[in-house]
Amino acid sequence: MAHSKREKPVNRTPLNIKTGDDVVVLSGASKGKTGKVLSTNPRQAKVTVEGVNMVKDRQRNAGGDGRASTVGAMQEIQVPMAIHRSKVALIDPATQKATRVKMVTGKDGVRTRATTSGDAI
């Protein structure tokens, strides 16, 4: 439902991965690494995982000791960048293996996340 030709259509596929979940990277340079999800971006279908897809960023020093040489100095820091959701899989808490997630509606009508083996997350 883009408003103009320049806007990309909105991704309507659910992420099924939430902030704080433990995930494993399935493909790319960080393949096999595990980490906790720091943030999600459902519109772009991307997740940020700690310790995965790290890039260098520059940060300006804040004040310092007041000397002119340290006030405007730049400092390099490592920051995780977002990766596409198709490159990560949730780790099943019971088996500690990568698993897919599905939504299950309980008898009381509440929807919960569950692994493909049927265990609730």
N, C-alpha and C. Protein backbone atom coordinates (compact mmCIF):
# COMPACT_ATOMS: atom_id res chain seq x y z
N MET A 1 0.83 -1.18 0.00
CA MET A 1 0.00 0.00 0.00
C MET A 1 0.87 1.25 0.00
N ALA A 2 1.65 1.41 -1.05
CA ALA A 2 2.51 2.56 -1.16
C ALA A 2 1.69 3.76 -1.62
N HIS A 3 2.07 4.94 -1.11
CA HIS A 3 1.33 6.15 -1.46
C HIS A 3 1.83 6.77 -2.75
N SER A 4 3.06 6.51 -3.10
CA SER A 4 3.59 7.05 -4.33
C SER A 4 4.46 5.98 -4.99
N LYS A 5 4.93 6.28 -6.17
CA LYS A 5 5.76 5.32 -6.90
C LYS A 5 7.12 5.12 -6.24
N ARG A 6 7.59 6.13 -5.51
CA ARG A 6 8.91 6.05 -4.90
C ARG A 6 8.94 5.20 -3.64
N GLU A 7 7.83 5.13 -2.93
CA GLU A 7 7.80 4.36 -1.69
C GLU A 7 7.73 2.88 -1.98
N LYS A 8 8.43 2.11 -1.17
CA LYS A 8 8.38 0.67 -1.30
C LYS A 8 7.12 0.14 -0.62
N PRO A 9 6.57 -0.96 -1.10
CA PRO A 9 5.42 -1.52 -0.42
C PRO A 9 5.81 -2.05 0.96
N VAL A 10 4.87 -1.98 1.89
CA VAL A 10 5.14 -2.39 3.26
C VAL A 10 5.13 -3.91 3.34
N ASN A 11 6.11 -4.47 4.04
CA ASN A 11 6.21 -5.91 4.23
C ASN A 11 5.18 -6.34 5.27
N ARG A 12 4.25 -7.20 4.92
CA ARG A 12 3.18 -7.63 5.83
C ARG A 12 3.44 -9.00 6.44
N THR A 13 4.60 -9.61 6.16
CA THR A 13 4.91 -10.92 6.72
C THR A 13 5.35 -10.75 8.17
N PRO A 14 4.77 -11.49 9.11
CA PRO A 14 5.15 -11.33 10.51
C PRO A 14 6.56 -11.84 10.78
N LEU A 15 7.24 -11.20 11.74
CA LEU A 15 8.61 -11.59 12.07
C LEU A 15 8.65 -12.87 12.90
N ASN A 16 7.77 -13.02 13.88
CA ASN A 16 7.75 -14.14 14.82
C ASN A 16 9.02 -14.22 15.65
N ILE A 17 9.86 -13.21 15.59
CA ILE A 17 11.05 -13.12 16.43
C ILE A 17 10.92 -11.82 17.21
N LYS A 18 11.14 -11.88 18.51
CA LYS A 18 10.94 -10.72 19.35
C LYS A 18 12.25 -10.31 20.03
N THR A 19 12.30 -9.09 20.53
CA THR A 19 13.46 -8.60 21.25
C THR A 19 13.70 -9.46 22.48
N GLY A 20 14.96 -9.87 22.66
CA GLY A 20 15.31 -10.71 23.81
C GLY A 20 15.40 -12.19 23.48
N ASP A 21 14.95 -12.61 22.30
CA ASP A 21 15.04 -14.01 21.90
C ASP A 21 16.48 -14.39 21.60
N ASP A 22 16.82 -15.66 21.83
CA ASP A 22 18.12 -16.18 21.43
C ASP A 22 17.98 -16.76 20.03
N VAL A 23 18.87 -16.33 19.12
CA VAL A 23 18.81 -16.78 17.73
C VAL A 23 20.18 -17.26 17.28
N VAL A 24 20.19 -18.03 16.18
CA VAL A 24 21.41 -18.49 15.55
C VAL A 24 21.39 -17.98 14.11
N VAL A 25 22.56 -17.56 13.59
CA VAL A 25 22.65 -17.05 12.22
C VAL A 25 22.83 -18.24 11.29
N LEU A 26 21.99 -18.29 10.24
CA LEU A 26 21.98 -19.43 9.31
C LEU A 26 22.90 -19.24 8.12
N SER A 27 23.11 -18.00 7.68
CA SER A 27 23.93 -17.78 6.49
C SER A 27 24.64 -16.45 6.60
N GLY A 28 25.66 -16.29 5.77
CA GLY A 28 26.42 -15.05 5.74
C GLY A 28 27.76 -15.19 6.43
N ALA A 29 28.43 -14.06 6.62
CA ALA A 29 29.76 -14.07 7.22
C ALA A 29 29.74 -14.50 8.67
N SER A 30 28.63 -14.28 9.37
CA SER A 30 28.51 -14.64 10.79
C SER A 30 27.79 -15.97 10.99
N LYS A 31 27.83 -16.83 9.99
CA LYS A 31 27.11 -18.10 10.05
C LYS A 31 27.54 -18.93 11.27
N GLY A 32 26.55 -19.44 12.01
CA GLY A 32 26.82 -20.27 13.17
C GLY A 32 26.88 -19.52 14.48
N LYS A 33 27.02 -18.19 14.44
CA LYS A 33 27.08 -17.41 15.67
C LYS A 33 25.69 -17.32 16.30
N THR A 34 25.67 -17.27 17.63
CA THR A 34 24.41 -17.11 18.35
C THR A 34 24.45 -15.82 19.13
N GLY A 35 23.28 -15.28 19.43
CA GLY A 35 23.21 -14.05 20.19
C GLY A 35 21.78 -13.70 20.52
N LYS A 36 21.63 -12.67 21.32
CA LYS A 36 20.32 -12.19 21.75
C LYS A 36 19.87 -11.07 20.82
N VAL A 37 18.58 -11.06 20.48
CA VAL A 37 18.03 -10.04 19.60
C VAL A 37 17.94 -8.73 20.37
N LEU A 38 18.60 -7.68 19.85
CA LEU A 38 18.59 -6.37 20.50
C LEU A 38 17.40 -5.53 20.06
N SER A 39 17.04 -5.62 18.76
CA SER A 39 15.91 -4.86 18.25
C SER A 39 15.38 -5.52 16.98
N THR A 40 14.14 -5.20 16.64
CA THR A 40 13.52 -5.71 15.42
C THR A 40 12.97 -4.54 14.62
N ASN A 41 12.92 -4.71 13.32
CA ASN A 41 12.33 -3.73 12.43
C ASN A 41 11.37 -4.47 11.49
N PRO A 42 10.09 -4.60 11.88
CA PRO A 42 9.15 -5.37 11.07
C PRO A 42 8.91 -4.80 9.67
N ARG A 43 9.00 -3.48 9.53
CA ARG A 43 8.76 -2.87 8.21
C ARG A 43 9.79 -3.31 7.19
N GLN A 44 11.04 -3.44 7.61
CA GLN A 44 12.10 -3.87 6.71
C GLN A 44 12.42 -5.35 6.87
N ALA A 45 11.74 -6.04 7.78
CA ALA A 45 11.95 -7.46 8.06
C ALA A 45 13.39 -7.73 8.46
N LYS A 46 13.92 -6.91 9.39
CA LYS A 46 15.30 -7.05 9.84
C LYS A 46 15.36 -7.13 11.35
N VAL A 47 16.41 -7.80 11.84
CA VAL A 47 16.65 -7.92 13.27
C VAL A 47 18.11 -7.56 13.55
N THR A 48 18.37 -7.01 14.74
CA THR A 48 19.71 -6.69 15.18
C THR A 48 20.08 -7.67 16.27
N VAL A 49 21.19 -8.42 16.07
CA VAL A 49 21.62 -9.44 17.02
C VAL A 49 22.96 -9.01 17.60
N GLU A 50 23.10 -9.15 18.94
CA GLU A 50 24.34 -8.71 19.57
C GLU A 50 25.51 -9.60 19.16
N GLY A 51 26.62 -8.96 18.79
CA GLY A 51 27.82 -9.67 18.40
C GLY A 51 27.83 -10.19 16.98
N VAL A 52 26.81 -9.87 16.20
CA VAL A 52 26.69 -10.37 14.83
C VAL A 52 26.65 -9.18 13.86
N ASN A 53 27.35 -9.30 12.72
CA ASN A 53 27.38 -8.27 11.69
C ASN A 53 27.90 -6.94 12.26
N MET A 54 29.04 -7.02 12.95
CA MET A 54 29.61 -5.85 13.60
C MET A 54 30.31 -4.96 12.56
N VAL A 55 30.11 -3.65 12.68
CA VAL A 55 30.75 -2.67 11.81
C VAL A 55 31.39 -1.61 12.69
N LYS A 56 32.39 -0.92 12.14
CA LYS A 56 33.05 0.15 12.88
C LYS A 56 32.26 1.44 12.69
N ASP A 57 32.10 2.16 13.79
CA ASP A 57 31.42 3.45 13.76
C ASP A 57 32.31 4.44 14.49
N ARG A 58 32.17 5.71 14.19
CA ARG A 58 32.97 6.73 14.85
C ARG A 58 32.09 7.54 15.79
N GLN A 59 32.61 7.77 16.98
CA GLN A 59 31.87 8.51 17.98
C GLN A 59 32.76 9.64 18.50
N ARG A 60 32.19 10.82 18.61
CA ARG A 60 32.95 11.97 19.07
C ARG A 60 33.11 11.89 20.59
N ASN A 61 34.32 12.17 21.08
CA ASN A 61 34.56 12.19 22.52
C ASN A 61 33.76 13.31 23.17
N ALA A 62 33.21 13.04 24.33
CA ALA A 62 32.39 14.03 25.02
C ALA A 62 33.25 14.79 26.03
N GLY A 63 33.72 15.97 25.65
CA GLY A 63 34.44 16.84 26.58
C GLY A 63 35.83 16.38 26.93
N GLY A 64 35.96 15.31 27.64
CA GLY A 64 37.26 14.84 28.09
C GLY A 64 37.76 15.69 29.25
N ASP A 65 39.05 15.97 29.24
CA ASP A 65 39.63 16.76 30.33
C ASP A 65 39.70 18.25 29.98
N GLY A 66 39.10 18.64 28.89
CA GLY A 66 39.05 20.05 28.53
C GLY A 66 40.15 20.52 27.61
N ARG A 67 41.12 19.66 27.33
CA ARG A 67 42.20 20.06 26.43
C ARG A 67 41.67 20.07 25.00
N ALA A 68 42.23 20.95 24.20
CA ALA A 68 41.76 21.12 22.83
C ALA A 68 42.02 19.87 21.99
N SER A 69 43.05 19.09 22.33
CA SER A 69 43.39 17.94 21.51
C SER A 69 42.41 16.78 21.71
N THR A 70 41.71 16.72 22.85
CA THR A 70 40.82 15.60 23.11
C THR A 70 39.35 15.94 22.96
N VAL A 71 39.00 17.22 22.84
CA VAL A 71 37.59 17.60 22.79
C VAL A 71 36.92 17.09 21.52
N GLY A 72 37.54 17.31 20.38
CA GLY A 72 36.91 16.92 19.12
C GLY A 72 37.40 15.60 18.56
N ALA A 73 38.16 14.85 19.33
CA ALA A 73 38.75 13.62 18.82
C ALA A 73 37.67 12.57 18.57
N MET A 74 37.90 11.73 17.58
CA MET A 74 36.95 10.68 17.24
C MET A 74 37.45 9.36 17.80
N GLN A 75 36.50 8.53 18.16
CA GLN A 75 36.82 7.23 18.73
C GLN A 75 36.06 6.17 17.94
N GLU A 76 36.74 5.09 17.55
CA GLU A 76 36.08 4.01 16.80
C GLU A 76 35.45 3.02 17.76
N ILE A 77 34.19 2.67 17.49
CA ILE A 77 33.48 1.69 18.30
C ILE A 77 32.87 0.64 17.38
N GLN A 78 32.59 -0.54 17.91
CA GLN A 78 31.96 -1.62 17.15
C GLN A 78 30.45 -1.59 17.43
N VAL A 79 29.64 -1.58 16.37
CA VAL A 79 28.19 -1.51 16.50
C VAL A 79 27.58 -2.63 15.65
N PRO A 80 26.58 -3.38 16.18
CA PRO A 80 25.93 -4.40 15.36
C PRO A 80 24.95 -3.77 14.38
N MET A 81 24.96 -4.26 13.14
CA MET A 81 24.00 -3.80 12.14
C MET A 81 22.93 -4.85 11.95
N ALA A 82 21.77 -4.43 11.48
CA ALA A 82 20.64 -5.32 11.29
C ALA A 82 20.88 -6.28 10.13
N ILE A 83 20.34 -7.49 10.25
CA ILE A 83 20.38 -8.47 9.17
C ILE A 83 18.96 -8.94 8.89
N HIS A 84 18.74 -9.50 7.71
CA HIS A 84 17.40 -9.92 7.32
C HIS A 84 16.93 -11.09 8.17
N ARG A 85 15.63 -11.14 8.42
CA ARG A 85 15.07 -12.17 9.31
C ARG A 85 15.21 -13.58 8.76
N SER A 86 15.36 -13.70 7.44
CA SER A 86 15.49 -15.03 6.85
C SER A 86 16.86 -15.64 7.15
N LYS A 87 17.81 -14.83 7.63
CA LYS A 87 19.15 -15.33 7.93
C LYS A 87 19.31 -15.80 9.36
N VAL A 88 18.26 -15.65 10.18
CA VAL A 88 18.34 -16.10 11.57
C VAL A 88 17.21 -17.07 11.88
N ALA A 89 17.45 -17.93 12.87
CA ALA A 89 16.42 -18.86 13.34
C ALA A 89 16.43 -18.84 14.86
N LEU A 90 15.26 -18.97 15.43
CA LEU A 90 15.11 -18.99 16.88
C LEU A 90 15.71 -20.27 17.44
N ILE A 91 16.33 -20.17 18.61
CA ILE A 91 16.88 -21.35 19.27
C ILE A 91 15.81 -21.91 20.20
N ASP A 92 15.49 -23.19 20.03
CA ASP A 92 14.51 -23.86 20.88
C ASP A 92 15.08 -23.98 22.29
N PRO A 93 14.37 -23.47 23.32
CA PRO A 93 14.92 -23.52 24.68
C PRO A 93 15.11 -24.95 25.19
N ALA A 94 14.31 -25.89 24.72
CA ALA A 94 14.40 -27.27 25.21
C ALA A 94 15.58 -28.02 24.60
N THR A 95 15.76 -27.90 23.27
CA THR A 95 16.78 -28.69 22.59
C THR A 95 18.04 -27.90 22.25
N GLN A 96 18.02 -26.57 22.37
CA GLN A 96 19.14 -25.69 22.03
C GLN A 96 19.53 -25.81 20.56
N LYS A 97 18.56 -26.10 19.69
CA LYS A 97 18.79 -26.18 18.25
C LYS A 97 17.92 -25.15 17.55
N ALA A 98 18.30 -24.81 16.30
CA ALA A 98 17.52 -23.86 15.51
C ALA A 98 16.16 -24.46 15.18
N THR A 99 15.12 -23.63 15.27
CA THR A 99 13.77 -24.10 15.00
C THR A 99 12.96 -22.99 14.35
N ARG A 100 11.88 -23.38 13.72
CA ARG A 100 10.95 -22.41 13.17
C ARG A 100 9.85 -22.13 14.18
N VAL A 101 9.17 -21.01 13.99
CA VAL A 101 8.16 -20.57 14.94
C VAL A 101 6.81 -20.50 14.26
N LYS A 102 5.77 -20.93 14.97
CA LYS A 102 4.41 -20.79 14.46
C LYS A 102 3.53 -20.21 15.56
N MET A 103 2.41 -19.65 15.16
CA MET A 103 1.46 -19.09 16.11
C MET A 103 0.37 -20.12 16.37
N VAL A 104 0.07 -20.35 17.65
CA VAL A 104 -0.92 -21.35 18.05
C VAL A 104 -1.99 -20.64 18.87
N THR A 105 -3.26 -20.91 18.54
CA THR A 105 -4.37 -20.35 19.29
C THR A 105 -4.82 -21.37 20.32
N GLY A 106 -4.80 -20.96 21.59
CA GLY A 106 -5.19 -21.85 22.67
C GLY A 106 -6.70 -21.98 22.79
N LYS A 107 -7.16 -22.81 23.71
CA LYS A 107 -8.59 -23.01 23.92
C LYS A 107 -9.28 -21.75 24.43
N ASP A 108 -8.53 -20.91 25.15
CA ASP A 108 -9.09 -19.67 25.66
C ASP A 108 -9.04 -18.53 24.64
N GLY A 109 -8.51 -18.80 23.44
CA GLY A 109 -8.48 -17.82 22.37
C GLY A 109 -7.23 -16.97 22.34
N VAL A 110 -6.29 -17.23 23.22
CA VAL A 110 -5.05 -16.46 23.26
C VAL A 110 -4.04 -17.07 22.30
N ARG A 111 -3.43 -16.20 21.48
CA ARG A 111 -2.43 -16.67 20.53
C ARG A 111 -1.05 -16.62 21.18
N THR A 112 -0.30 -17.72 21.06
CA THR A 112 1.04 -17.80 21.61
C THR A 112 1.99 -18.34 20.55
N ARG A 113 3.28 -18.07 20.74
CA ARG A 113 4.29 -18.60 19.84
C ARG A 113 4.66 -20.00 20.28
N ALA A 114 4.91 -20.88 19.31
CA ALA A 114 5.32 -22.24 19.61
C ALA A 114 6.33 -22.70 18.57
N THR A 115 7.19 -23.63 18.97
CA THR A 115 8.14 -24.19 18.02
C THR A 115 7.41 -25.18 17.12
N THR A 116 8.05 -25.59 16.06
CA THR A 116 7.40 -26.52 15.15
C THR A 116 7.19 -27.89 15.80
N SER A 117 7.94 -28.20 16.87
CA SER A 117 7.72 -29.45 17.58
C SER A 117 6.50 -29.36 18.51
N GLY A 118 5.97 -28.15 18.69
CA GLY A 118 4.76 -27.98 19.48
C GLY A 118 4.97 -27.39 20.86
N ASP A 119 6.20 -27.17 21.28
CA ASP A 119 6.47 -26.61 22.60
C ASP A 119 6.25 -25.10 22.58
N ALA A 120 5.61 -24.58 23.61
CA ALA A 120 5.40 -23.14 23.72
C ALA A 120 6.71 -22.46 24.07
N ILE A 121 6.88 -21.24 23.57
CA ILE A 121 8.10 -20.48 23.85
C ILE A 121 7.82 -19.51 24.98
